[in-house]
Amino acid sequence: MFSVLLVLAGCSPTAGTIKTDSIDPDDTASIDTGDVVEPEPEPDYSVWIGERLFVTDDCEEPAIEEGHELTEDNWDSYNEVHDTCPNCDHIYYVAVTPEEVCGYPITEVRYRGVDFVEGGGAIFYNFNGWGQAEVVDPDAEFDGWTLKYAYSYGSLDMYGTVNFPEKE
Protein backbone atom coordinates (compact mmCIF):
# COMPACT_ATOMS: atom_id res chain seq x y z
CA MET A 1 0.00 0.00 0.00
CA PHE A 2 2.91 2.29 0.75
CA SER A 3 4.10 2.01 -2.84
CA VAL A 4 0.68 3.05 -4.18
CA LEU A 5 0.70 6.17 -1.96
CA LEU A 6 4.20 7.02 -3.16
CA VAL A 7 3.12 6.74 -6.79
CA LEU A 8 0.00 8.86 -6.16
CA ALA A 9 1.96 11.48 -4.24
CA GLY A 10 4.62 11.63 -6.98
CA CYS A 11 1.95 12.31 -9.65
CA SER A 12 -0.10 14.84 -7.73
CA PRO A 13 0.36 18.58 -8.42
CA THR A 14 2.80 20.40 -6.20
CA ALA A 15 2.87 23.97 -5.04
CA GLY A 16 4.94 26.39 -7.16
CA THR A 17 5.39 27.16 -10.86
CA ILE A 18 7.37 25.26 -13.38
CA LYS A 19 9.29 27.55 -15.75
CA THR A 20 9.91 26.46 -19.31
CA ASP A 21 11.48 28.04 -22.39
CA SER A 22 8.26 27.70 -24.36
CA ILE A 23 6.22 30.66 -25.60
CA ASP A 24 3.60 31.95 -23.23
CA PRO A 25 0.23 32.01 -25.02
CA ASP A 26 -0.38 35.46 -23.53
CA ASP A 27 2.91 36.82 -24.90
CA THR A 28 2.17 39.65 -27.37
CA ALA A 29 5.72 40.01 -28.71
CA SER A 30 6.20 39.30 -32.40
CA ILE A 31 7.61 36.01 -33.48
CA ASP A 32 10.73 36.09 -35.65
CA THR A 33 9.86 34.09 -38.73
CA GLY A 34 13.31 34.52 -40.23
CA ASP A 35 11.98 36.73 -43.05
CA VAL A 36 14.35 39.53 -44.02
CA VAL A 37 12.62 42.89 -44.20
CA GLU A 38 13.98 44.83 -47.18
CA PRO A 39 14.45 48.56 -46.57
CA GLU A 40 12.25 50.87 -48.61
CA PRO A 41 14.04 52.02 -51.75
CA GLU A 42 15.22 55.65 -51.74
CA PRO A 43 15.82 57.94 -54.71
CA ASP A 44 19.34 59.16 -55.37
CA TYR A 45 19.03 62.92 -55.83
CA SER A 46 22.72 63.22 -56.64
CA VAL A 47 22.16 61.81 -60.15
CA TRP A 48 20.29 63.60 -62.96
CA ILE A 49 18.90 61.31 -65.68
CA GLY A 50 16.44 63.06 -67.91
CA GLU A 51 14.98 63.91 -71.26
CA ARG A 52 13.79 67.27 -72.54
CA LEU A 53 11.34 67.23 -75.43
CA PHE A 54 11.64 70.19 -77.82
CA VAL A 55 8.40 71.02 -79.64
CA THR A 56 7.79 73.49 -82.47
CA ASP A 57 4.97 73.74 -85.01
CA ASP A 58 6.68 71.24 -87.30
CA CYS A 59 9.13 69.34 -85.09
CA GLU A 60 9.21 67.26 -81.93
CA GLU A 61 12.61 65.91 -80.84
CA PRO A 62 14.12 64.85 -77.51
CA ALA A 63 17.44 65.81 -75.97
CA ILE A 64 19.07 63.55 -73.39
CA GLU A 65 20.26 65.10 -70.13
CA GLU A 66 22.68 63.40 -67.77
CA GLY A 67 24.46 64.94 -64.84
CA HIS A 68 25.31 65.04 -61.19
CA GLU A 69 24.68 67.19 -58.16
CA LEU A 70 27.12 69.95 -57.36
CA THR A 71 28.04 70.40 -53.70
CA GLU A 72 30.63 72.19 -51.58
CA ASP A 73 32.65 68.97 -51.62
CA ASN A 74 32.94 68.69 -55.41
CA TRP A 75 32.72 72.27 -56.74
CA ASP A 76 34.71 75.35 -55.72
CA SER A 77 32.02 77.78 -56.96
CA TYR A 78 29.16 76.09 -55.11
CA ASN A 79 28.65 78.74 -52.40
CA GLU A 80 28.81 81.60 -54.93
CA VAL A 81 26.24 79.94 -57.19
CA HIS A 82 24.03 78.79 -54.31
CA ASP A 83 23.86 82.43 -53.17
CA THR A 84 22.06 83.20 -56.47
CA CYS A 85 19.52 80.47 -55.68
CA PRO A 86 19.26 80.16 -51.88
CA ASN A 87 16.01 78.16 -52.13
CA CYS A 88 17.58 75.51 -54.36
CA ASP A 89 17.67 72.18 -52.54
CA HIS A 90 19.95 70.79 -55.26
CA ILE A 91 22.11 72.28 -58.01
CA TYR A 92 23.13 70.10 -60.94
CA TYR A 93 25.70 70.04 -63.72
CA VAL A 94 23.86 68.62 -66.75
CA ALA A 95 25.35 67.49 -70.08
CA VAL A 96 22.89 67.68 -72.98
CA THR A 97 23.00 65.74 -76.26
CA PRO A 98 22.66 66.01 -79.24
CA GLU A 99 24.19 69.32 -80.33
CA GLU A 100 21.11 70.31 -82.35
CA VAL A 101 17.38 69.66 -81.89
CA CYS A 102 14.62 70.77 -84.28
CA GLY A 103 17.19 72.86 -86.14
CA TYR A 104 18.22 74.79 -82.99
CA PRO A 105 21.71 74.54 -81.53
CA ILE A 106 21.74 73.15 -78.00
CA THR A 107 23.88 74.38 -75.15
CA GLU A 108 25.73 71.20 -74.29
CA VAL A 109 26.23 72.03 -70.60
CA ARG A 110 23.47 73.39 -68.38
CA TYR A 111 23.30 74.19 -64.71
CA ARG A 112 19.94 73.40 -63.13
CA GLY A 113 18.48 74.07 -59.73
CA VAL A 114 15.52 72.45 -58.01
CA ASP A 115 13.56 73.53 -54.96
CA PHE A 116 11.40 70.61 -53.80
CA VAL A 117 8.29 71.98 -52.12
CA GLU A 118 5.71 70.27 -49.95
CA GLY A 119 2.70 68.70 -51.57
CA GLY A 120 4.39 67.09 -54.58
CA GLY A 121 5.71 70.17 -56.28
CA ALA A 122 8.99 71.72 -57.26
CA ILE A 123 10.38 74.96 -58.58
CA PHE A 124 12.70 74.40 -61.54
CA TYR A 125 15.58 76.84 -62.16
CA ASN A 126 18.01 77.46 -64.99
CA PHE A 127 21.26 79.30 -64.35
CA ASN A 128 21.89 82.00 -66.97
CA GLY A 129 25.43 82.99 -66.17
CA TRP A 130 26.62 83.01 -62.60
CA GLY A 131 24.79 86.15 -61.63
CA GLN A 132 21.27 84.82 -62.00
CA ALA A 133 19.11 81.77 -61.33
CA GLU A 134 15.98 82.06 -63.42
CA VAL A 135 12.75 80.29 -62.50
CA VAL A 136 11.66 78.48 -65.65
CA ASP A 137 8.82 76.44 -64.13
CA PRO A 138 7.40 77.48 -60.77
CA ASP A 139 4.80 74.69 -60.94
CA ALA A 140 6.92 71.63 -61.73
CA GLU A 141 5.58 68.28 -60.56
CA PHE A 142 7.54 66.01 -58.24
CA ASP A 143 6.44 62.66 -56.79
CA GLY A 144 9.63 61.83 -54.89
CA TRP A 145 11.20 59.95 -57.81
CA THR A 146 10.29 61.87 -60.97
CA LEU A 147 10.48 65.59 -61.72
CA LYS A 148 8.35 66.93 -64.58
CA TYR A 149 8.72 70.48 -65.82
CA ALA A 150 7.66 72.57 -68.82
CA TYR A 151 8.53 75.99 -70.21
CA SER A 152 8.73 77.98 -73.42
CA TYR A 153 11.74 79.69 -74.94
CA GLY A 154 10.87 81.78 -77.99
CA SER A 155 9.00 79.53 -80.41
CA LEU A 156 10.12 76.36 -78.60
CA ASP A 157 8.02 74.57 -76.01
CA MET A 158 9.99 72.25 -73.78
CA TYR A 159 8.79 69.39 -71.62
CA GLY A 160 11.30 67.75 -69.34
CA THR A 161 11.32 64.64 -67.21
CA VAL A 162 14.04 63.67 -64.73
CA ASN A 163 13.99 60.18 -63.25
CA PHE A 164 16.08 59.90 -60.11
CA PRO A 165 17.53 56.38 -59.83
CA GLU A 166 17.37 54.19 -56.75
CA LYS A 167 20.14 54.74 -54.21
CA GLU A 168 22.64 51.94 -54.19
C-alpha atoms as a PDB file:
ATOM      1  CA  MET A   1       0.000   0.000   0.000  1.00  0.00           C
ATOM      2  CA  PHE A   2       2.908   2.293   0.750  1.00  0.00           C
ATOM      3  CA  SER A   3       4.105   2.009  -2.845  1.00  0.00           C
ATOM      4  CA  VAL A   4       0.676   3.051  -4.180  1.00  0.00           C
ATOM      5  CA  LEU A   5       0.704   6.166  -1.960  1.00  0.00           C
ATOM      6  CA  LEU A   6       4.195   7.017  -3.158  1.00  0.00           C
ATOM      7  CA  VAL A   7       3.116   6.744  -6.792  1.00  0.00           C
ATOM      8  CA  LEU A   8       0.000   8.862  -6.160  1.00  0.00           C
ATOM      9  CA  ALA A   9       1.963  11.481  -4.242  1.00  0.00           C
ATOM     10  CA  GLY A  10       4.615  11.633  -6.981  1.00  0.00           C
ATOM     11  CA  CYS A  11       1.955  12.312  -9.647  1.00  0.00           C
ATOM     12  CA  SER A  12      -0.098  14.844  -7.729  1.00  0.00           C
ATOM     13  CA  PRO A  13       0.364  18.576  -8.419  1.00  0.00           C
ATOM     14  CA  THR A  14       2.799  20.398  -6.195  1.00  0.00           C
ATOM     15  CA  ALA A  15       2.865  23.975  -5.042  1.00  0.00           C
ATOM     16  CA  GLY A  16       4.942  26.390  -7.161  1.00  0.00           C
ATOM     17  CA  THR A  17       5.390  27.161 -10.859  1.00  0.00           C
ATOM     18  CA  ILE A  18       7.373  25.259 -13.380  1.00  0.00           C
ATOM     19  CA  LYS A  19       9.289  27.554 -15.748  1.00  0.00           C
ATOM     20  CA  THR A  20       9.909  26.463 -19.306  1.00  0.00           C
ATOM     21  CA  ASP A  21      11.484  28.036 -22.386  1.00  0.00           C
ATOM     22  CA  SER A  22       8.257  27.703 -24.357  1.00  0.00           C
ATOM     23  CA  ILE A  23       6.223  30.659 -25.605  1.00  0.00           C
ATOM     24  CA  ASP A  24       3.598  31.945 -23.233  1.00  0.00           C
ATOM     25  CA  PRO A  25       0.228  32.015 -25.022  1.00  0.00           C
ATOM     26  CA  ASP A  26      -0.381  35.462 -23.525  1.00  0.00           C
ATOM     27  CA  ASP A  27       2.907  36.818 -24.900  1.00  0.00           C
ATOM     28  CA  THR A  28       2.165  39.651 -27.371  1.00  0.00           C
ATOM     29  CA  ALA A  29       5.716  40.006 -28.709  1.00  0.00           C
ATOM     30  CA  SER A  30       6.205  39.300 -32.402  1.00  0.00           C
ATOM     31  CA  ILE A  31       7.607  36.006 -33.484  1.00  0.00           C
ATOM     32  CA  ASP A  32      10.731  36.094 -35.652  1.00  0.00           C
ATOM     33  CA  THR A  33       9.857  34.086 -38.731  1.00  0.00           C
ATOM     34  CA  GLY A  34      13.312  34.522 -40.228  1.00  0.00           C
ATOM     35  CA  ASP A  35      11.977  36.734 -43.055  1.00  0.00           C
ATOM     36  CA  VAL A  36      14.348  39.528 -44.022  1.00  0.00           C
ATOM     37  CA  VAL A  37      12.620  42.890 -44.203  1.00  0.00           C
ATOM     38  CA  GLU A  38      13.977  44.829 -47.176  1.00  0.00           C
ATOM     39  CA  PRO A  39      14.450  48.555 -46.574  1.00  0.00           C
ATOM     40  CA  GLU A  40      12.252  50.872 -48.605  1.00  0.00           C
ATOM     41  CA  PRO A  41      14.044  52.023 -51.755  1.00  0.00           C
ATOM     42  CA  GLU A  42      15.217  55.648 -51.744  1.00  0.00           C
ATOM     43  CA  PRO A  43      15.821  57.937 -54.712  1.00  0.00           C
ATOM     44  CA  ASP A  44      19.339  59.161 -55.372  1.00  0.00           C
ATOM     45  CA  TYR A  45      19.027  62.920 -55.825  1.00  0.00           C
ATOM     46  CA  SER A  46      22.724  63.221 -56.640  1.00  0.00           C
ATOM     47  CA  VAL A  47      22.165  61.810 -60.154  1.00  0.00           C
ATOM     48  CA  TRP A  48      20.286  63.605 -62.957  1.00  0.00           C
ATOM     49  CA  ILE A  49      18.904  61.306 -65.676  1.00  0.00           C
ATOM     50  CA  GLY A  50      16.437  63.062 -67.906  1.00  0.00           C
ATOM     51  CA  GLU A  51      14.980  63.909 -71.258  1.00  0.00           C
ATOM     52  CA  ARG A  52      13.791  67.269 -72.540  1.00  0.00           C
ATOM     53  CA  LEU A  53      11.337  67.225 -75.430  1.00  0.00           C
ATOM     54  CA  PHE A  54      11.635  70.193 -77.822  1.00  0.00           C
ATOM     55  CA  VAL A  55       8.395  71.018 -79.640  1.00  0.00           C
ATOM     56  CA  THR A  56       7.791  73.485 -82.474  1.00  0.00           C
ATOM     57  CA  ASP A  57       4.974  73.744 -85.013  1.00  0.00           C
ATOM     58  CA  ASP A  58       6.684  71.236 -87.296  1.00  0.00           C
ATOM     59  CA  CYS A  59       9.127  69.339 -85.086  1.00  0.00           C
ATOM     60  CA  GLU A  60       9.208  67.255 -81.933  1.00  0.00           C
ATOM     61  CA  GLU A  61      12.606  65.906 -80.836  1.00  0.00           C
ATOM     62  CA  PRO A  62      14.116  64.852 -77.513  1.00  0.00           C
ATOM     63  CA  ALA A  63      17.440  65.808 -75.972  1.00  0.00           C
ATOM     64  CA  ILE A  64      19.066  63.551 -73.389  1.00  0.00           C
ATOM     65  CA  GLU A  65      20.262  65.097 -70.132  1.00  0.00           C
ATOM     66  CA  GLU A  66      22.679  63.398 -67.769  1.00  0.00           C
ATOM     67  CA  GLY A  67      24.461  64.939 -64.844  1.00  0.00           C
ATOM     68  CA  HIS A  68      25.311  65.041 -61.190  1.00  0.00           C
ATOM     69  CA  GLU A  69      24.675  67.194 -58.159  1.00  0.00           C
ATOM     70  CA  LEU A  70      27.125  69.955 -57.362  1.00  0.00           C
ATOM     71  CA  THR A  71      28.042  70.404 -53.697  1.00  0.00           C
ATOM     72  CA  GLU A  72      30.632  72.190 -51.581  1.00  0.00           C
ATOM     73  CA  ASP A  73      32.647  68.972 -51.623  1.00  0.00           C
ATOM     74  CA  ASN A  74      32.938  68.690 -55.410  1.00  0.00           C
ATOM     75  CA  TRP A  75      32.719  72.270 -56.736  1.00  0.00           C
ATOM     76  CA  ASP A  76      34.711  75.346 -55.720  1.00  0.00           C
ATOM     77  CA  SER A  77      32.019  77.776 -56.964  1.00  0.00           C
ATOM     78  CA  TYR A  78      29.163  76.090 -55.107  1.00  0.00           C
ATOM     79  CA  ASN A  79      28.654  78.743 -52.404  1.00  0.00           C
ATOM     80  CA  GLU A  80      28.814  81.598 -54.925  1.00  0.00           C
ATOM     81  CA  VAL A  81      26.240  79.940 -57.190  1.00  0.00           C
ATOM     82  CA  HIS A  82      24.034  78.790 -54.310  1.00  0.00           C
ATOM     83  CA  ASP A  83      23.856  82.433 -53.174  1.00  0.00           C
ATOM     84  CA  THR A  84      22.061  83.198 -56.473  1.00  0.00           C
ATOM     85  CA  CYS A  85      19.519  80.468 -55.683  1.00  0.00           C
ATOM     86  CA  PRO A  86      19.265  80.165 -51.881  1.00  0.00           C
ATOM     87  CA  ASN A  87      16.013  78.159 -52.125  1.00  0.00           C
ATOM     88  CA  CYS A  88      17.581  75.514 -54.355  1.00  0.00           C
ATOM     89  CA  ASP A  89      17.669  72.182 -52.544  1.00  0.00           C
ATOM     90  CA  HIS A  90      19.952  70.792 -55.258  1.00  0.00           C
ATOM     91  CA  ILE A  91      22.112  72.277 -58.012  1.00  0.00           C
ATOM     92  CA  TYR A  92      23.132  70.102 -60.939  1.00  0.00           C
ATOM     93  CA  TYR A  93      25.704  70.037 -63.722  1.00  0.00           C
ATOM     94  CA  VAL A  94      23.856  68.617 -66.745  1.00  0.00           C
ATOM     95  CA  ALA A  95      25.350  67.491 -70.077  1.00  0.00           C
ATOM     96  CA  VAL A  96      22.890  67.679 -72.978  1.00  0.00           C
ATOM     97  CA  THR A  97      22.998  65.737 -76.265  1.00  0.00           C
ATOM     98  CA  PRO A  98      22.660  66.013 -79.242  1.00  0.00           C
ATOM     99  CA  GLU A  99      24.189  69.321 -80.332  1.00  0.00           C
ATOM    100  CA  GLU A 100      21.106  70.308 -82.353  1.00  0.00           C
ATOM    101  CA  VAL A 101      17.381  69.662 -81.891  1.00  0.00           C
ATOM    102  CA  CYS A 102      14.621  70.773 -84.284  1.00  0.00           C
ATOM    103  CA  GLY A 103      17.195  72.862 -86.144  1.00  0.00           C
ATOM    104  CA  TYR A 104      18.216  74.787 -82.991  1.00  0.00           C
ATOM    105  CA  PRO A 105      21.711  74.539 -81.532  1.00  0.00           C
ATOM    106  CA  ILE A 106      21.736  73.147 -78.000  1.00  0.00           C
ATOM    107  CA  THR A 107      23.883  74.383 -75.146  1.00  0.00           C
ATOM    108  CA  GLU A 108      25.735  71.203 -74.288  1.00  0.00           C
ATOM    109  CA  VAL A 109      26.230  72.026 -70.598  1.00  0.00           C
ATOM    110  CA  ARG A 110      23.467  73.391 -68.381  1.00  0.00           C
ATOM    111  CA  TYR A 111      23.303  74.188 -64.711  1.00  0.00           C
ATOM    112  CA  ARG A 112      19.944  73.401 -63.134  1.00  0.00           C
ATOM    113  CA  GLY A 113      18.481  74.071 -59.726  1.00  0.00           C
ATOM    114  CA  VAL A 114      15.520  72.447 -58.010  1.00  0.00           C
ATOM    115  CA  ASP A 115      13.560  73.527 -54.959  1.00  0.00           C
ATOM    116  CA  PHE A 116      11.404  70.614 -53.800  1.00  0.00           C
ATOM    117  CA  VAL A 117       8.290  71.982 -52.121  1.00  0.00           C
ATOM    118  CA  GLU A 118       5.706  70.274 -49.954  1.00  0.00           C
ATOM    119  CA  GLY A 119       2.699  68.698 -51.573  1.00  0.00           C
ATOM    120  CA  GLY A 120       4.391  67.085 -54.576  1.00  0.00           C
ATOM    121  CA  GLY A 121       5.705  70.174 -56.284  1.00  0.00           C
ATOM    122  CA  ALA A 122       8.986  71.724 -57.262  1.00  0.00           C
ATOM    123  CA  ILE A 123      10.378  74.958 -58.583  1.00  0.00           C
ATOM    124  CA  PHE A 124      12.700  74.399 -61.536  1.00  0.00           C
ATOM    125  CA  TYR A 125      15.582  76.840 -62.157  1.00  0.00           C
ATOM    126  CA  ASN A 126      18.011  77.456 -64.986  1.00  0.00           C
ATOM    127  CA  PHE A 127      21.258  79.302 -64.351  1.00  0.00           C
ATOM    128  CA  ASN A 128      21.887  82.000 -66.973  1.00  0.00           C
ATOM    129  CA  GLY A 129      25.429  82.989 -66.173  1.00  0.00           C
ATOM    130  CA  TRP A 130      26.622  83.008 -62.600  1.00  0.00           C
ATOM    131  CA  GLY A 131      24.791  86.147 -61.626  1.00  0.00           C
ATOM    132  CA  GLN A 132      21.271  84.817 -62.003  1.00  0.00           C
ATOM    133  CA  ALA A 133      19.114  81.771 -61.326  1.00  0.00           C
ATOM    134  CA  GLU A 134      15.982  82.056 -63.423  1.00  0.00           C
ATOM    135  CA  VAL A 135      12.746  80.287 -62.496  1.00  0.00           C
ATOM    136  CA  VAL A 136      11.664  78.476 -65.653  1.00  0.00           C
ATOM    137  CA  ASP A 137       8.822  76.435 -64.132  1.00  0.00           C
ATOM    138  CA  PRO A 138       7.401  77.475 -60.765  1.00  0.00           C
ATOM    139  CA  ASP A 139       4.804  74.689 -60.936  1.00  0.00           C
ATOM    140  CA  ALA A 140       6.915  71.633 -61.726  1.00  0.00           C
ATOM    141  CA  GLU A 141       5.575  68.285 -60.556  1.00  0.00           C
ATOM    142  CA  PHE A 142       7.538  66.009 -58.243  1.00  0.00           C
ATOM    143  CA  ASP A 143       6.444  62.657 -56.791  1.00  0.00           C
ATOM    144  CA  GLY A 144       9.627  61.830 -54.890  1.00  0.00           C
ATOM    145  CA  TRP A 145      11.198  59.952 -57.812  1.00  0.00           C
ATOM    146  CA  THR A 146      10.294  61.874 -60.971  1.00  0.00           C
ATOM    147  CA  LEU A 147      10.482  65.593 -61.717  1.00  0.00           C
ATOM    148  CA  LYS A 148       8.352  66.932 -64.583  1.00  0.00           C
ATOM    149  CA  TYR A 149       8.724  70.484 -65.824  1.00  0.00           C
ATOM    150  CA  ALA A 150       7.656  72.574 -68.824  1.00  0.00           C
ATOM    151  CA  TYR A 151       8.528  75.991 -70.207  1.00  0.00           C
ATOM    152  CA  SER A 152       8.735  77.985 -73.420  1.00  0.00           C
ATOM    153  CA  TYR A 153      11.738  79.688 -74.945  1.00  0.00           C
ATOM    154  CA  GLY A 154      10.873  81.784 -77.988  1.00  0.00           C
ATOM    155  CA  SER A 155       9.000  79.532 -80.411  1.00  0.00           C
ATOM    156  CA  LEU A 156      10.122  76.363 -78.597  1.00  0.00           C
ATOM    157  CA  ASP A 157       8.019  74.574 -76.012  1.00  0.00           C
ATOM    158  CA  MET A 158       9.990  72.248 -73.782  1.00  0.00           C
ATOM    159  CA  TYR A 159       8.791  69.389 -71.623  1.00  0.00           C
ATOM    160  CA  GLY A 160      11.297  67.746 -69.339  1.00  0.00           C
ATOM    161  CA  THR A 161      11.322  64.635 -67.207  1.00  0.00           C
ATOM    162  CA  VAL A 162      14.040  63.671 -64.733  1.00  0.00           C
ATOM    163  CA  ASN A 163      13.992  60.179 -63.248  1.00  0.00           C
ATOM    164  CA  PHE A 164      16.082  59.903 -60.113  1.00  0.00           C
ATOM    165  CA  PRO A 165      17.529  56.379 -59.833  1.00  0.00           C
ATOM    166  CA  GLU A 166      17.370  54.189 -56.747  1.00  0.00           C
ATOM    167  CA  LYS A 167      20.136  54.742 -54.207  1.00  0.00           C
ATOM    168  CA  GLU A 168      22.640  51.936 -54.195  1.00  0.00           C
END
